[in-house]
Amino acid sequence: MAPTGEGAGRDREDLAAFLLSLRSERITDARLLEAVESVPRRLFLPEGIANAYENRSAPLACGETMHGALAAVRLVAALDVQPAHRILEIGTGSGYITALLARLGTHVSSFDRYRGLVEPAGRRLRDIGITNISLFLEDGRDGFAGGAPFDRVIVHAAFPAVPRQFLDQLGSNAAMICALGPGDGPQELLRLRKVGSRFEREPLGTVHYQPLAFGTADAL
């Protein structure tokens, strides 16, 4: 439920400060800033968090977590989504990044293995009028060949090696963000760009993601 009264006022103040901080991070794309302003992050957070825009991960159902506000926006900024882009996301989570992507692109196909995440995320997205999405209760380990080619792909999980099944679903001049490395240690977050028949790798930093899990969680 969206906050009212003092809570809503606090969120507006925190949002204004967050938008200023994004500019100091050299995140200045007007469309992205408008998307951040139009998506009420509070709606996607668990209860009890005072500042909806703090850069601290937050717990979700099913033992999952969501990115802090700055980390989430940095990921979306790195994808450089354009209005005509079709996007594949693996790991819907709360739906916050899904919402930002949907504000920026033409359609988002988002997969998550937990019903306890997919269904609430769908309700939140509908509540704020986002309809250019398709949510799937599946692990997404093979990508989504039926929706390919995609202009942008983001996977909120780690692979031991470059995932060819996803790269094969990228269109011309498309890009993918994922983490590569062991499941029990730090990984390298990469942006992979398809240039002709080859891929350019650009490091984006070090992360600690969970390995991409297989199968749908029956109990959750």
Protein backbone atom coordinates (compact mmCIF):
# COMPACT_ATOMS: atom_id res chain seq x y z
CA MET A 1 0.00 0.00 0.00
CA ALA A 2 1.30 3.45 -0.90
CA PRO A 3 2.11 5.71 2.07
CA THR A 4 -0.06 8.69 2.88
CA GLY A 5 0.45 11.86 4.89
CA GLU A 6 3.90 12.18 6.46
CA GLY A 7 5.05 8.94 4.85
CA ALA A 8 4.25 10.18 1.37
CA GLY A 9 5.99 13.46 2.10
CA ARG A 10 9.09 11.63 3.31
CA ASP A 11 9.15 9.54 0.14
CA ARG A 12 8.91 12.64 -2.05
CA GLU A 13 11.83 14.22 -0.22
CA ASP A 14 13.90 11.04 -0.43
CA LEU A 15 13.10 10.71 -4.14
CA ALA A 16 14.21 14.29 -4.80
CA ALA A 17 17.50 13.65 -2.99
CA PHE A 18 17.94 10.38 -4.88
CA LEU A 19 17.43 12.05 -8.25
CA LEU A 20 20.10 14.61 -7.35
CA SER A 21 22.46 11.81 -6.33
CA LEU A 22 21.93 10.10 -9.69
CA ARG A 23 23.18 13.20 -11.46
CA SER A 24 26.31 13.13 -9.32
CA GLU A 25 26.74 9.53 -10.52
CA ARG A 26 26.56 10.84 -14.10
CA ILE A 27 23.21 9.19 -14.65
CA THR A 28 21.52 12.01 -16.51
CA ASP A 29 19.38 10.37 -19.19
CA ALA A 30 16.08 12.25 -19.02
CA ARG A 31 13.95 9.22 -19.89
CA LEU A 32 15.53 7.13 -17.14
CA LEU A 33 15.13 9.88 -14.56
CA GLU A 34 11.47 10.24 -15.56
CA ALA A 35 11.03 6.47 -15.16
CA VAL A 36 12.56 6.55 -11.68
CA GLU A 37 10.25 9.41 -10.74
CA SER A 38 7.16 7.67 -12.13
CA VAL A 39 7.70 4.29 -10.42
CA PRO A 40 6.96 4.48 -6.67
CA ARG A 41 9.74 2.33 -5.22
CA ARG A 42 7.91 2.09 -1.88
CA LEU A 43 5.30 -0.12 -3.55
CA PHE A 44 7.96 -2.75 -4.29
CA LEU A 45 9.65 -2.78 -0.89
CA PRO A 46 8.90 -4.84 2.21
CA GLU A 47 7.48 -2.96 5.19
CA GLY A 48 9.68 -1.29 7.74
CA ILE A 49 12.18 0.48 5.46
CA ALA A 50 12.34 4.18 6.30
CA ASN A 51 14.06 5.48 3.17
CA ALA A 52 12.69 3.84 0.03
CA TYR A 53 15.65 5.14 -1.98
CA GLU A 54 18.55 4.02 0.17
CA ASN A 55 21.18 1.95 -1.58
CA ARG A 56 20.77 -1.12 0.57
CA SER A 57 19.47 -4.50 -0.53
CA ALA A 58 16.12 -5.51 0.93
CA PRO A 59 14.75 -8.97 1.74
CA LEU A 60 11.98 -10.46 -0.38
CA ALA A 61 9.82 -13.53 -0.02
CA CYS A 62 11.25 -16.94 -0.89
CA GLY A 63 14.68 -16.04 0.53
CA GLU A 64 15.46 -13.63 -2.31
CA THR A 65 16.67 -10.03 -2.12
CA MET A 66 16.22 -6.89 -4.20
CA HIS A 67 18.89 -4.42 -5.21
CA GLY A 68 19.36 -1.14 -3.42
CA ALA A 69 17.99 1.87 -5.29
CA LEU A 70 21.27 3.11 -6.76
CA ALA A 71 22.41 -0.40 -7.76
CA ALA A 72 19.08 -1.01 -9.51
CA VAL A 73 19.20 2.23 -11.48
CA ARG A 74 22.85 1.67 -12.42
CA LEU A 75 21.90 -1.68 -13.93
CA VAL A 76 19.08 -0.15 -15.95
CA ALA A 77 21.33 2.73 -17.06
CA ALA A 78 23.99 0.25 -18.21
CA LEU A 79 21.42 -1.50 -20.41
CA ASP A 80 20.74 1.76 -22.30
CA VAL A 81 17.14 0.81 -23.17
CA GLN A 82 15.59 2.64 -26.13
CA PRO A 83 11.85 3.05 -26.84
CA ALA A 84 11.69 0.32 -29.51
CA HIS A 85 13.64 -2.25 -27.50
CA ARG A 86 12.28 -5.64 -26.52
CA ILE A 87 13.76 -6.83 -23.26
CA LEU A 88 14.23 -10.20 -21.56
CA GLU A 89 14.68 -10.26 -17.78
CA ILE A 90 15.54 -13.35 -15.75
CA GLY A 91 14.65 -12.81 -12.09
CA THR A 92 11.54 -10.66 -11.71
CA GLY A 93 11.97 -10.34 -7.97
CA SER A 94 9.87 -7.49 -6.60
CA GLY A 95 9.22 -6.15 -10.09
CA TYR A 96 10.94 -2.80 -9.50
CA ILE A 97 13.58 -3.16 -12.22
CA THR A 98 10.90 -4.73 -14.43
CA ALA A 99 8.87 -1.54 -14.02
CA LEU A 100 11.77 0.73 -14.96
CA LEU A 101 12.55 -1.37 -18.02
CA ALA A 102 8.90 -1.30 -19.08
CA ARG A 103 8.80 2.49 -18.81
CA LEU A 104 11.81 2.69 -21.12
CA GLY A 105 11.25 -0.06 -23.72
CA THR A 106 8.40 -1.39 -25.80
CA HIS A 107 7.94 -4.75 -24.04
CA VAL A 108 9.49 -6.76 -21.19
CA SER A 109 9.36 -10.55 -20.86
CA SER A 110 10.29 -11.38 -17.26
CA PHE A 111 10.82 -14.81 -15.71
CA ASP A 112 10.96 -15.95 -12.08
CA ARG A 113 10.82 -19.41 -10.54
CA TYR A 114 8.83 -18.31 -7.48
CA ARG A 115 5.07 -17.89 -7.59
CA GLY A 116 5.38 -15.87 -4.37
CA LEU A 117 7.32 -13.26 -6.33
CA VAL A 118 5.73 -13.36 -9.79
CA GLU A 119 2.14 -12.91 -8.66
CA PRO A 120 2.73 -9.96 -6.27
CA ALA A 121 5.00 -8.33 -8.84
CA GLY A 122 2.25 -8.61 -11.43
CA ARG A 123 -0.24 -6.94 -9.09
CA ARG A 124 2.16 -4.08 -8.33
CA LEU A 125 2.86 -3.48 -12.00
CA ARG A 126 -0.84 -3.44 -12.82
CA ASP A 127 -1.46 -1.05 -9.94
CA ILE A 128 0.79 1.57 -11.51
CA GLY A 129 -0.60 1.03 -15.00
CA ILE A 130 2.23 -0.96 -16.56
CA THR A 131 0.83 -3.34 -19.16
CA ASN A 132 3.67 -3.81 -21.68
CA ILE A 133 5.02 -6.83 -19.81
CA SER A 134 4.67 -10.61 -19.85
CA LEU A 135 5.49 -12.44 -16.62
CA PHE A 136 6.36 -16.14 -16.60
CA LEU A 137 6.52 -18.58 -13.69
CA GLU A 138 9.56 -20.40 -15.04
CA ASP A 139 13.27 -20.44 -14.23
CA GLY A 140 14.23 -18.93 -17.59
CA ARG A 141 17.46 -20.93 -17.72
CA ASP A 142 17.16 -21.35 -21.49
CA GLY A 143 16.11 -17.78 -22.16
CA PHE A 144 12.97 -17.31 -24.23
CA ALA A 145 13.49 -18.48 -27.79
CA GLY A 146 9.80 -17.91 -28.56
CA GLY A 147 10.19 -14.20 -27.92
CA ALA A 148 13.60 -13.74 -29.57
CA PRO A 149 15.38 -11.81 -30.86
CA PHE A 150 15.75 -9.40 -27.95
CA ASP A 151 17.44 -6.02 -27.97
CA ARG A 152 18.37 -6.18 -24.30
CA VAL A 153 18.74 -9.03 -21.81
CA ILE A 154 19.41 -8.82 -18.07
CA VAL A 155 19.95 -11.81 -15.80
CA HIS A 156 19.97 -11.28 -12.04
CA ALA A 157 22.07 -14.38 -11.44
CA ALA A 158 25.54 -15.77 -12.09
CA PHE A 159 26.77 -18.16 -14.78
CA PRO A 160 29.97 -20.21 -14.62
CA ALA A 161 30.67 -19.31 -18.27
CA VAL A 162 29.24 -17.14 -21.04
CA PRO A 163 25.63 -18.37 -21.57
CA ARG A 164 25.47 -19.08 -25.30
CA GLN A 165 21.75 -19.88 -25.18
CA PHE A 166 21.06 -16.25 -24.24
CA LEU A 167 23.54 -14.70 -26.63
CA ASP A 168 21.96 -16.63 -29.48
CA GLN A 169 18.66 -14.88 -28.68
CA LEU A 170 20.11 -11.38 -29.07
CA GLY A 171 19.36 -9.31 -32.12
CA SER A 172 21.83 -7.21 -34.06
CA ASN A 173 23.62 -4.57 -31.92
CA ALA A 174 21.92 -5.98 -28.84
CA ALA A 175 23.36 -6.17 -25.32
CA MET A 176 23.15 -8.43 -22.29
CA ILE A 177 24.11 -7.90 -18.65
CA CYS A 178 24.94 -10.89 -16.45
CA ALA A 179 27.49 -12.06 -13.91
CA LEU A 180 30.18 -14.65 -14.62
CA GLY A 181 32.04 -16.57 -11.97
CA PRO A 182 31.79 -19.25 -9.29
CA GLY A 183 28.59 -19.55 -7.29
CA ASP A 184 30.45 -19.48 -3.96
CA GLY A 185 32.48 -16.31 -4.52
CA PRO A 186 32.61 -12.92 -6.17
CA GLN A 187 31.71 -12.69 -9.84
CA GLU A 188 32.37 -10.18 -12.59
CA LEU A 189 29.36 -8.25 -13.80
CA LEU A 190 29.62 -7.92 -17.57
CA ARG A 191 27.90 -6.12 -20.39
CA LEU A 192 28.10 -8.25 -23.53
CA ARG A 193 27.44 -6.42 -26.79
CA LYS A 194 26.69 -8.21 -30.04
CA VAL A 195 28.68 -6.58 -32.83
CA GLY A 196 28.20 -8.45 -36.08
CA SER A 197 29.08 -12.07 -35.37
CA ARG A 198 31.20 -11.33 -32.30
CA PHE A 199 30.65 -10.13 -28.75
CA GLU A 200 32.42 -7.35 -26.91
CA ARG A 201 32.85 -7.75 -23.16
CA GLU A 202 32.78 -4.74 -20.88
CA PRO A 203 33.31 -5.18 -17.11
CA LEU A 204 30.87 -3.35 -14.85
CA GLY A 205 32.25 -4.34 -11.46
CA THR A 206 32.28 -7.13 -8.92
CA VAL A 207 29.07 -8.65 -7.55
CA HIS A 208 27.94 -11.53 -5.37
CA TYR A 209 25.00 -13.10 -7.20
CA GLN A 210 23.44 -16.48 -6.66
CA PRO A 211 23.91 -19.03 -9.44
CA LEU A 212 20.99 -19.26 -11.84
CA ALA A 213 18.68 -21.81 -10.20
CA PHE A 214 16.88 -24.49 -12.19
CA GLY A 215 13.26 -25.50 -11.88
CA THR A 216 10.11 -23.90 -10.53
CA ALA A 217 9.79 -23.80 -6.75
CA ASP A 218 6.73 -25.97 -6.04
CA ALA A 219 6.12 -24.80 -2.48
CA LEU A 220 6.74 -21.10 -3.06
